[in-house]
Amino acid sequence: RTFIHWRLLDVIEQANGYRYEVICSSVNPYPIGEALIIYHIQR
């Protein structure tokens, strides 16, 4: 069996490319969008 996870990632630019840090995940994509709005406004 497999599971699908939607993840909100913080994109961190580095000298040799990008690094991604998982902020949150959900089986439903729409809470990820809500979290993105909140994090964007806060940060």
All heavy atoms as atom14 arrays in JSON, in Angstrom:
{
  "sequence": "RTFIHWRLLDVIEQANGYRYEVICSSVNPYPIGEALIIYHIQR",
  "atom14_mask": [
    [1, 1, 1, 1, 1, 1, 1, 1, 1, 1, 1, 0, 0, 0],
    [1, 1, 1, 1, 1, 1, 1, 0, 0, 0, 0, 0, 0, 0],
    [1, 1, 1, 1, 1, 1, 1, 1, 1, 1, 1, 0, 0, 0],
    [1, 1, 1, 1, 1, 1, 1, 1, 0, 0, 0, 0, 0, 0],
    [1, 1, 1, 1, 1, 1, 1, 1, 1, 1, 0, 0, 0, 0],
    [1, 1, 1, 1, 1, 1, 1, 1, 1, 1, 1, 1, 1, 1],
    [1, 1, 1, 1, 1, 1, 1, 1, 1, 1, 1, 0, 0, 0],
    [1, 1, 1, 1, 1, 1, 1, 1, 0, 0, 0, 0, 0, 0],
    [1, 1, 1, 1, 1, 1, 1, 1, 0, 0, 0, 0, 0, 0],
    [1, 1, 1, 1, 1, 1, 1, 1, 0, 0, 0, 0, 0, 0],
    [1, 1, 1, 1, 1, 1, 1, 0, 0, 0, 0, 0, 0, 0],
    [1, 1, 1, 1, 1, 1, 1, 1, 0, 0, 0, 0, 0, 0],
    [1, 1, 1, 1, 1, 1, 1, 1, 1, 0, 0, 0, 0, 0],
    [1, 1, 1, 1, 1, 1, 1, 1, 1, 0, 0, 0, 0, 0],
    [1, 1, 1, 1, 1, 0, 0, 0, 0, 0, 0, 0, 0, 0],
    [1, 1, 1, 1, 1, 1, 1, 1, 0, 0, 0, 0, 0, 0],
    [1, 1, 1, 1, 0, 0, 0, 0, 0, 0, 0, 0, 0, 0],
    [1, 1, 1, 1, 1, 1, 1, 1, 1, 1, 1, 1, 0, 0],
    [1, 1, 1, 1, 1, 1, 1, 1, 1, 1, 1, 0, 0, 0],
    [1, 1, 1, 1, 1, 1, 1, 1, 1, 1, 1, 1, 0, 0],
    [1, 1, 1, 1, 1, 1, 1, 1, 1, 0, 0, 0, 0, 0],
    [1, 1, 1, 1, 1, 1, 1, 0, 0, 0, 0, 0, 0, 0],
    [1, 1, 1, 1, 1, 1, 1, 1, 0, 0, 0, 0, 0, 0],
    [1, 1, 1, 1, 1, 1, 0, 0, 0, 0, 0, 0, 0, 0],
    [1, 1, 1, 1, 1, 1, 0, 0, 0, 0, 0, 0, 0, 0],
    [1, 1, 1, 1, 1, 1, 0, 0, 0, 0, 0, 0, 0, 0],
    [1, 1, 1, 1, 1, 1, 1, 0, 0, 0, 0, 0, 0, 0],
    [1, 1, 1, 1, 1, 1, 1, 1, 0, 0, 0, 0, 0, 0],
    [1, 1, 1, 1, 1, 1, 1, 0, 0, 0, 0, 0, 0, 0],
    [1, 1, 1, 1, 1, 1, 1, 1, 1, 1, 1, 1, 0, 0],
    [1, 1, 1, 1, 1, 1, 1, 0, 0, 0, 0, 0, 0, 0],
    [1, 1, 1, 1, 1, 1, 1, 1, 0, 0, 0, 0, 0, 0],
    [1, 1, 1, 1, 0, 0, 0, 0, 0, 0, 0, 0, 0, 0],
    [1, 1, 1, 1, 1, 1, 1, 1, 1, 0, 0, 0, 0, 0],
    [1, 1, 1, 1, 1, 0, 0, 0, 0, 0, 0, 0, 0, 0],
    [1, 1, 1, 1, 1, 1, 1, 1, 0, 0, 0, 0, 0, 0],
    [1, 1, 1, 1, 1, 1, 1, 1, 0, 0, 0, 0, 0, 0],
    [1, 1, 1, 1, 1, 1, 1, 1, 0, 0, 0, 0, 0, 0],
    [1, 1, 1, 1, 1, 1, 1, 1, 1, 1, 1, 1, 0, 0],
    [1, 1, 1, 1, 1, 1, 1, 1, 1, 1, 0, 0, 0, 0],
    [1, 1, 1, 1, 1, 1, 1, 1, 0, 0, 0, 0, 0, 0],
    [1, 1, 1, 1, 1, 1, 1, 1, 1, 0, 0, 0, 0, 0],
    [1, 1, 1, 1, 1, 1, 1, 1, 1, 1, 1, 0, 0, 0]
  ],
  "atom14_positions": [
    [[0.85, -1.2, 0.0], [0.0, 0.0, 0.0], [0.88, 1.24, 0.0], [1.98, 1.23, 0.55], [-0.89, 0.03, 1.24], [-1.95, -1.05, 1.23], [-2.8, -1.02, 2.46], [-3.43, 0.3, 2.61], [-4.03, 0.71, 3.71], [-4.08, -0.07, 4.77], [-4.58, 1.9, 3.77], [0.0, 0.0, 0.0], [0.0, 0.0, 0.0], [0.0, 0.0, 0.0]],
    [[0.39, 2.28, -0.61], [1.11, 3.55, -0.6], [0.21, 4.65, -0.04], [-1.02, 4.52, -0.05], [1.58, 3.96, -2.01], [0.44, 4.05, -2.87], [2.56, 2.96, -2.57], [0.0, 0.0, 0.0], [0.0, 0.0, 0.0], [0.0, 0.0, 0.0], [0.0, 0.0, 0.0], [0.0, 0.0, 0.0], [0.0, 0.0, 0.0], [0.0, 0.0, 0.0]],
    [[0.85, 5.69, 0.44], [0.14, 6.84, 0.97], [0.63, 8.09, 0.25], [1.82, 8.22, -0.03], [0.39, 7.0, 2.47], [-0.19, 5.89, 3.29], [0.59, 4.83, 3.7], [-1.53, 5.9, 3.63], [0.05, 3.8, 4.44], [-2.07, 4.88, 4.38], [-1.29, 3.82, 4.79], [0.0, 0.0, 0.0], [0.0, 0.0, 0.0], [0.0, 0.0, 0.0]],
    [[-0.28, 8.99, -0.02], [0.08, 10.26, -0.63], [0.09, 11.33, 0.46], [-0.87, 11.46, 1.21], [-0.9, 10.64, -1.74], [-0.84, 9.61, -2.86], [-0.62, 12.04, -2.27], [-1.92, 9.76, -3.89], [0.0, 0.0, 0.0], [0.0, 0.0, 0.0], [0.0, 0.0, 0.0], [0.0, 0.0, 0.0], [0.0, 0.0, 0.0], [0.0, 0.0, 0.0]],
    [[1.19, 12.05, 0.54], [1.33, 13.14, 1.49], [1.57, 14.42, 0.71], [2.35, 14.45, -0.24], [2.55, 12.93, 2.41], [2.53, 11.64, 3.14], [1.92, 11.48, 4.34], [3.06, 10.44, 2.82], [2.07, 10.24, 4.75], [2.75, 9.58, 3.84], [0.0, 0.0, 0.0], [0.0, 0.0, 0.0], [0.0, 0.0, 0.0], [0.0, 0.0, 0.0]],
    [[0.9, 15.47, 1.09], [1.16, 16.8, 0.54], [2.02, 17.52, 1.56], [1.75, 17.46, 2.76], [-0.15, 17.54, 0.32], [-0.93, 16.94, -0.79], [-1.81, 15.89, -0.69], [-0.9, 17.31, -2.15], [-2.32, 15.6, -1.93], [-1.78, 16.47, -2.85], [-0.21, 18.29, -2.87], [-1.99, 16.57, -4.2], [-0.42, 18.39, -4.23], [-1.3, 17.54, -4.88]],
    [[3.1, 18.16, 1.08], [4.03, 18.8, 2.0], [4.24, 20.27, 1.66], [4.3, 20.63, 0.48], [5.39, 18.09, 1.97], [5.29, 16.61, 2.25], [6.62, 15.94, 2.32], [7.38, 16.07, 1.08], [8.55, 15.5, 0.86], [9.11, 14.76, 1.8], [9.17, 15.66, -0.29], [0.0, 0.0, 0.0], [0.0, 0.0, 0.0], [0.0, 0.0, 0.0]],
    [[4.34, 21.08, 2.7], [4.75, 22.47, 2.54], [6.24, 22.51, 2.85], [6.68, 22.06, 3.91], [3.98, 23.37, 3.51], [4.4, 24.84, 3.54], [4.25, 25.48, 2.16], [3.6, 25.59, 4.58], [0.0, 0.0, 0.0], [0.0, 0.0, 0.0], [0.0, 0.0, 0.0], [0.0, 0.0, 0.0], [0.0, 0.0, 0.0], [0.0, 0.0, 0.0]],
    [[7.02, 23.02, 1.9], [8.46, 23.04, 2.03], [8.98, 24.47, 2.07], [8.53, 25.33, 1.3], [9.11, 22.33, 0.83], [8.62, 20.9, 0.57], [9.17, 20.39, -0.74], [9.02, 19.99, 1.71], [0.0, 0.0, 0.0], [0.0, 0.0, 0.0], [0.0, 0.0, 0.0], [0.0, 0.0, 0.0], [0.0, 0.0, 0.0], [0.0, 0.0, 0.0]],
    [[9.92, 24.72, 2.96], [10.64, 25.98, 3.0], [11.81, 25.84, 2.03], [12.61, 24.91, 2.16], [11.14, 26.24, 4.42], [11.62, 27.66, 4.65], [11.68, 28.43, 3.67], [11.93, 27.98, 5.8], [0.0, 0.0, 0.0], [0.0, 0.0, 0.0], [0.0, 0.0, 0.0], [0.0, 0.0, 0.0], [0.0, 0.0, 0.0], [0.0, 0.0, 0.0]],
    [[11.89, 26.71, 1.04], [12.94, 26.65, 0.02], [14.09, 27.53, 0.49], [13.92, 28.74, 0.66], [12.42, 27.13, -1.35], [13.51, 27.05, -2.39], [11.2, 26.33, -1.77], [0.0, 0.0, 0.0], [0.0, 0.0, 0.0], [0.0, 0.0, 0.0], [0.0, 0.0, 0.0], [0.0, 0.0, 0.0], [0.0, 0.0, 0.0], [0.0, 0.0, 0.0]],
    [[15.24, 26.92, 0.69], [16.41, 27.63, 1.18], [17.48, 27.6, 0.1], [17.97, 26.53, -0.28], [16.93, 27.01, 2.48], [15.8, 27.04, 3.52], [18.19, 27.7, 2.97], [15.98, 26.1, 4.66], [0.0, 0.0, 0.0], [0.0, 0.0, 0.0], [0.0, 0.0, 0.0], [0.0, 0.0, 0.0], [0.0, 0.0, 0.0], [0.0, 0.0, 0.0]],
    [[17.81, 28.8, -0.42], [18.81, 28.89, -1.47], [20.2, 28.79, -0.85], [20.51, 29.44, 0.14], [18.67, 30.21, -2.22], [19.52, 30.27, -3.46], [19.23, 31.49, -4.32], [18.29, 32.23, -4.01], [19.95, 31.68, -5.29], [0.0, 0.0, 0.0], [0.0, 0.0, 0.0], [0.0, 0.0, 0.0], [0.0, 0.0, 0.0], [0.0, 0.0, 0.0]],
    [[21.04, 27.92, -1.46], [22.41, 27.74, -1.02], [23.34, 27.96, -2.2], [22.89, 28.04, -3.34], [22.6, 26.33, -0.46], [21.74, 26.04, 0.75], [21.95, 24.64, 1.28], [22.03, 23.69, 0.53], [22.04, 24.52, 2.6], [0.0, 0.0, 0.0], [0.0, 0.0, 0.0], [0.0, 0.0, 0.0], [0.0, 0.0, 0.0], [0.0, 0.0, 0.0]],
    [[24.62, 28.04, -1.93], [25.6, 28.29, -2.99], [25.56, 27.21, -4.07], [25.75, 27.49, -5.25], [27.0, 28.37, -2.39], [0.0, 0.0, 0.0], [0.0, 0.0, 0.0], [0.0, 0.0, 0.0], [0.0, 0.0, 0.0], [0.0, 0.0, 0.0], [0.0, 0.0, 0.0], [0.0, 0.0, 0.0], [0.0, 0.0, 0.0], [0.0, 0.0, 0.0]],
    [[25.28, 25.98, -3.69], [25.29, 24.86, -4.64], [23.88, 24.4, -5.04], [23.71, 23.29, -5.5], [26.08, 23.69, -4.08], [25.5, 23.19, -2.77], [24.66, 23.83, -2.17], [25.98, 22.04, -2.33], [0.0, 0.0, 0.0], [0.0, 0.0, 0.0], [0.0, 0.0, 0.0], [0.0, 0.0, 0.0], [0.0, 0.0, 0.0], [0.0, 0.0, 0.0]],
    [[22.88, 25.24, -4.86], [21.52, 24.87, -5.25], [20.51, 25.22, -4.18], [20.61, 26.27, -3.55], [0.0, 0.0, 0.0], [0.0, 0.0, 0.0], [0.0, 0.0, 0.0], [0.0, 0.0, 0.0], [0.0, 0.0, 0.0], [0.0, 0.0, 0.0], [0.0, 0.0, 0.0], [0.0, 0.0, 0.0], [0.0, 0.0, 0.0], [0.0, 0.0, 0.0]],
    [[19.55, 24.33, -3.99], [18.47, 24.58, -3.03], [18.39, 23.45, -2.03], [18.69, 22.3, -2.33], [17.12, 24.71, -3.74], [17.05, 25.9, -4.65], [17.44, 25.81, -5.98], [16.61, 27.12, -4.17], [17.38, 26.92, -6.81], [16.54, 28.24, -4.98], [16.93, 28.13, -6.3], [16.87, 29.22, -7.11], [0.0, 0.0, 0.0], [0.0, 0.0, 0.0]],
    [[17.95, 23.79, -0.83], [17.65, 22.8, 0.19], [16.19, 23.0, 0.58], [15.69, 24.13, 0.59], [18.57, 23.02, 1.4], [18.37, 21.95, 2.47], [19.23, 22.24, 3.66], [18.59, 23.35, 4.38], [19.2, 24.09, 5.27], [20.45, 23.9, 5.56], [18.54, 25.07, 5.88], [0.0, 0.0, 0.0], [0.0, 0.0, 0.0], [0.0, 0.0, 0.0]],
    [[15.5, 21.93, 0.88], [14.09, 22.0, 1.25], [13.9, 21.45, 2.65], [14.4, 20.38, 2.97], [13.25, 21.19, 0.26], [13.38, 21.68, -1.16], [14.28, 21.1, -2.04], [12.63, 22.76, -1.6], [14.41, 21.57, -3.34], [12.75, 23.23, -2.89], [13.64, 22.63, -3.75], [13.78, 23.11, -5.02], [0.0, 0.0, 0.0], [0.0, 0.0, 0.0]],
    [[13.17, 22.19, 3.45], [12.82, 21.73, 4.79], [11.32, 21.57, 4.87], [10.57, 22.49, 4.51], [13.31, 22.71, 5.85], [14.81, 22.77, 5.95], [15.29, 23.69, 7.05], [14.45, 24.3, 7.77], [16.52, 23.81, 7.2], [0.0, 0.0, 0.0], [0.0, 0.0, 0.0], [0.0, 0.0, 0.0], [0.0, 0.0, 0.0], [0.0, 0.0, 0.0]],
    [[10.87, 20.42, 5.34], [9.43, 20.17, 5.48], [8.9, 20.95, 6.67], [9.41, 20.83, 7.78], [9.15, 18.66, 5.66], [7.67, 18.42, 5.88], [9.66, 17.87, 4.47], [0.0, 0.0, 0.0], [0.0, 0.0, 0.0], [0.0, 0.0, 0.0], [0.0, 0.0, 0.0], [0.0, 0.0, 0.0], [0.0, 0.0, 0.0], [0.0, 0.0, 0.0]],
    [[7.9, 21.78, 6.41], [7.26, 22.55, 7.48], [6.08, 21.78, 8.04], [5.9, 21.68, 9.23], [6.81, 23.93, 6.96], [8.05, 24.75, 6.59], [5.97, 24.65, 8.0], [7.74, 26.07, 5.97], [0.0, 0.0, 0.0], [0.0, 0.0, 0.0], [0.0, 0.0, 0.0], [0.0, 0.0, 0.0], [0.0, 0.0, 0.0], [0.0, 0.0, 0.0]],
    [[5.27, 21.2, 7.14], [4.13, 20.39, 7.58], [3.7, 19.49, 6.43], [4.1, 19.7, 5.28], [2.97, 21.26, 8.07], [2.3, 22.37, 6.83], [0.0, 0.0, 0.0], [0.0, 0.0, 0.0], [0.0, 0.0, 0.0], [0.0, 0.0, 0.0], [0.0, 0.0, 0.0], [0.0, 0.0, 0.0], [0.0, 0.0, 0.0], [0.0, 0.0, 0.0]],
    [[2.91, 18.49, 6.75], [2.39, 17.6, 5.71], [0.97, 17.2, 6.09], [0.56, 17.27, 7.25], [3.27, 16.38, 5.52], [3.14, 15.48, 6.58], [0.0, 0.0, 0.0], [0.0, 0.0, 0.0], [0.0, 0.0, 0.0], [0.0, 0.0, 0.0], [0.0, 0.0, 0.0], [0.0, 0.0, 0.0], [0.0, 0.0, 0.0], [0.0, 0.0, 0.0]],
    [[0.24, 16.76, 5.06], [-1.15, 16.36, 5.25], [-1.55, 15.43, 4.12], [-0.96, 15.49, 3.03], [-2.05, 17.59, 5.24], [-3.41, 17.23, 5.27], [0.0, 0.0, 0.0], [0.0, 0.0, 0.0], [0.0, 0.0, 0.0], [0.0, 0.0, 0.0], [0.0, 0.0, 0.0], [0.0, 0.0, 0.0], [0.0, 0.0, 0.0], [0.0, 0.0, 0.0]],
    [[-2.53, 14.58, 4.33], [-3.04, 13.74, 3.25], [-3.96, 14.54, 2.34], [-4.26, 14.12, 1.23], [-3.76, 12.48, 3.78], [-2.79, 11.58, 4.5], [-4.93, 12.85, 4.68], [0.0, 0.0, 0.0], [0.0, 0.0, 0.0], [0.0, 0.0, 0.0], [0.0, 0.0, 0.0], [0.0, 0.0, 0.0], [0.0, 0.0, 0.0], [0.0, 0.0, 0.0]],
    [[-4.41, 15.7, 2.79], [-5.27, 16.59, 2.02], [-4.44, 17.82, 1.64], [-3.8, 18.41, 2.51], [-6.46, 17.0, 2.88], [-7.45, 17.88, 2.17], [-7.13, 18.55, 1.19], [-8.66, 17.92, 2.68], [0.0, 0.0, 0.0], [0.0, 0.0, 0.0], [0.0, 0.0, 0.0], [0.0, 0.0, 0.0], [0.0, 0.0, 0.0], [0.0, 0.0, 0.0]],
    [[-4.44, 18.24, 0.37], [-3.58, 19.36, -0.02], [-4.03, 20.72, 0.48], [-3.22, 21.63, 0.64], [-3.61, 19.32, -1.54], [-4.91, 18.67, -1.88], [-5.14, 17.67, -0.78], [0.0, 0.0, 0.0], [0.0, 0.0, 0.0], [0.0, 0.0, 0.0], [0.0, 0.0, 0.0], [0.0, 0.0, 0.0], [0.0, 0.0, 0.0], [0.0, 0.0, 0.0]],
    [[-5.3, 20.9, 0.75], [-5.79, 22.25, 1.07], [-5.33, 22.8, 2.41], [-5.06, 24.0, 2.52], [-7.29, 22.34, 0.84], [-7.54, 22.18, -0.64], [-7.95, 20.97, -1.18], [-7.25, 23.22, -1.52], [-8.1, 20.81, -2.55], [-7.39, 23.07, -2.89], [-7.82, 21.86, -3.4], [-7.95, 21.7, -4.74], [0.0, 0.0, 0.0], [0.0, 0.0, 0.0]],
    [[-5.16, 21.99, 3.46], [-4.55, 22.53, 4.68], [-3.11, 23.0, 4.44], [-2.63, 23.92, 5.12], [-4.59, 21.36, 5.67], [-5.72, 20.52, 5.21], [-5.72, 20.65, 3.7], [0.0, 0.0, 0.0], [0.0, 0.0, 0.0], [0.0, 0.0, 0.0], [0.0, 0.0, 0.0], [0.0, 0.0, 0.0], [0.0, 0.0, 0.0], [0.0, 0.0, 0.0]],
    [[-2.44, 22.42, 3.46], [-1.08, 22.86, 3.13], [-1.13, 24.27, 2.56], [-0.3, 25.12, 2.9], [-0.42, 21.88, 2.13], [-0.31, 20.47, 2.75], [0.92, 22.38, 1.65], [0.48, 20.4, 4.03], [0.0, 0.0, 0.0], [0.0, 0.0, 0.0], [0.0, 0.0, 0.0], [0.0, 0.0, 0.0], [0.0, 0.0, 0.0], [0.0, 0.0, 0.0]],
    [[-2.1, 24.54, 1.71], [-2.28, 25.89, 1.18], [-2.58, 26.89, 2.28], [-2.05, 28.01, 2.29], [0.0, 0.0, 0.0], [0.0, 0.0, 0.0], [0.0, 0.0, 0.0], [0.0, 0.0, 0.0], [0.0, 0.0, 0.0], [0.0, 0.0, 0.0], [0.0, 0.0, 0.0], [0.0, 0.0, 0.0], [0.0, 0.0, 0.0], [0.0, 0.0, 0.0]],
    [[-3.43, 26.49, 3.23], [-3.75, 27.37, 4.35], [-2.51, 27.67, 5.18], [-2.26, 28.81, 5.58], [-4.84, 26.74, 5.22], [-6.17, 26.62, 4.52], [-7.16, 25.75, 5.26], [-6.82, 25.25, 6.37], [-8.27, 25.55, 4.75], [0.0, 0.0, 0.0], [0.0, 0.0, 0.0], [0.0, 0.0, 0.0], [0.0, 0.0, 0.0], [0.0, 0.0, 0.0]],
    [[-1.71, 26.63, 5.43], [-0.48, 26.82, 6.21], [0.49, 27.73, 5.47], [1.15, 28.58, 6.09], [0.17, 25.46, 6.48], [0.0, 0.0, 0.0], [0.0, 0.0, 0.0], [0.0, 0.0, 0.0], [0.0, 0.0, 0.0], [0.0, 0.0, 0.0], [0.0, 0.0, 0.0], [0.0, 0.0, 0.0], [0.0, 0.0, 0.0], [0.0, 0.0, 0.0]],
    [[0.57, 27.59, 4.16], [1.46, 28.44, 3.38], [1.07, 29.91, 3.54], [1.93, 30.77, 3.73], [1.44, 28.04, 1.91], [2.51, 28.69, 1.04], [2.86, 27.77, -0.12], [2.11, 30.03, 0.52], [0.0, 0.0, 0.0], [0.0, 0.0, 0.0], [0.0, 0.0, 0.0], [0.0, 0.0, 0.0], [0.0, 0.0, 0.0], [0.0, 0.0, 0.0]],
    [[-0.21, 30.2, 3.46], [-0.68, 31.58, 3.62], [-0.27, 32.11, 5.0], [0.27, 33.21, 5.12], [-2.2, 31.67, 3.42], [-2.56, 31.4, 1.95], [-2.73, 33.02, 3.88], [-4.03, 31.17, 1.7], [0.0, 0.0, 0.0], [0.0, 0.0, 0.0], [0.0, 0.0, 0.0], [0.0, 0.0, 0.0], [0.0, 0.0, 0.0], [0.0, 0.0, 0.0]],
    [[-0.49, 31.32, 6.03], [-0.16, 31.75, 7.39], [1.35, 31.98, 7.53], [1.77, 33.02, 8.05], [-0.67, 30.72, 8.41], [-2.19, 30.72, 8.43], [-0.09, 30.99, 9.8], [-2.82, 29.54, 9.13], [0.0, 0.0, 0.0], [0.0, 0.0, 0.0], [0.0, 0.0, 0.0], [0.0, 0.0, 0.0], [0.0, 0.0, 0.0], [0.0, 0.0, 0.0]],
    [[2.16, 31.03, 7.09], [3.61, 31.18, 7.2], [4.11, 32.36, 6.39], [4.99, 33.09, 6.83], [4.33, 29.9, 6.77], [4.41, 28.88, 7.86], [3.51, 27.81, 7.9], [5.37, 28.96, 8.86], [3.58, 26.86, 8.9], [5.43, 28.02, 9.87], [4.54, 26.97, 9.89], [4.61, 26.05, 10.87], [0.0, 0.0, 0.0], [0.0, 0.0, 0.0]],
    [[3.57, 32.56, 5.2], [4.01, 33.67, 4.37], [3.71, 35.01, 5.06], [4.56, 35.89, 5.1], [3.34, 33.62, 2.99], [3.71, 34.77, 2.11], [4.97, 34.91, 1.58], [2.99, 35.84, 1.69], [5.01, 36.03, 0.86], [3.83, 36.6, 0.91], [0.0, 0.0, 0.0], [0.0, 0.0, 0.0], [0.0, 0.0, 0.0], [0.0, 0.0, 0.0]],
    [[2.52, 35.13, 5.6], [2.15, 36.38, 6.27], [3.0, 36.6, 7.53], [3.48, 37.7, 7.78], [0.65, 36.4, 6.58], [-0.14, 36.54, 5.27], [0.3, 37.53, 7.55], [-1.62, 36.34, 5.42], [0.0, 0.0, 0.0], [0.0, 0.0, 0.0], [0.0, 0.0, 0.0], [0.0, 0.0, 0.0], [0.0, 0.0, 0.0], [0.0, 0.0, 0.0]],
    [[3.23, 35.54, 8.3], [4.01, 35.67, 9.53], [5.48, 35.98, 9.27], [6.08, 36.79, 9.96], [3.93, 34.38, 10.36], [2.62, 34.19, 11.04], [2.58, 32.88, 11.8], [3.38, 31.97, 11.58], [1.64, 32.76, 12.71], [0.0, 0.0, 0.0], [0.0, 0.0, 0.0], [0.0, 0.0, 0.0], [0.0, 0.0, 0.0], [0.0, 0.0, 0.0]],
    [[6.07, 35.34, 8.27], [7.51, 35.43, 8.08], [7.96, 36.5, 7.1], [8.99, 37.12, 7.28], [8.05, 34.09, 7.58], [7.96, 32.98, 8.57], [8.56, 31.75, 7.98], [8.59, 30.67, 8.95], [9.14, 29.51, 8.72], [9.71, 29.26, 7.55], [9.13, 28.57, 9.63], [0.0, 0.0, 0.0], [0.0, 0.0, 0.0], [0.0, 0.0, 0.0]]
  ]
}
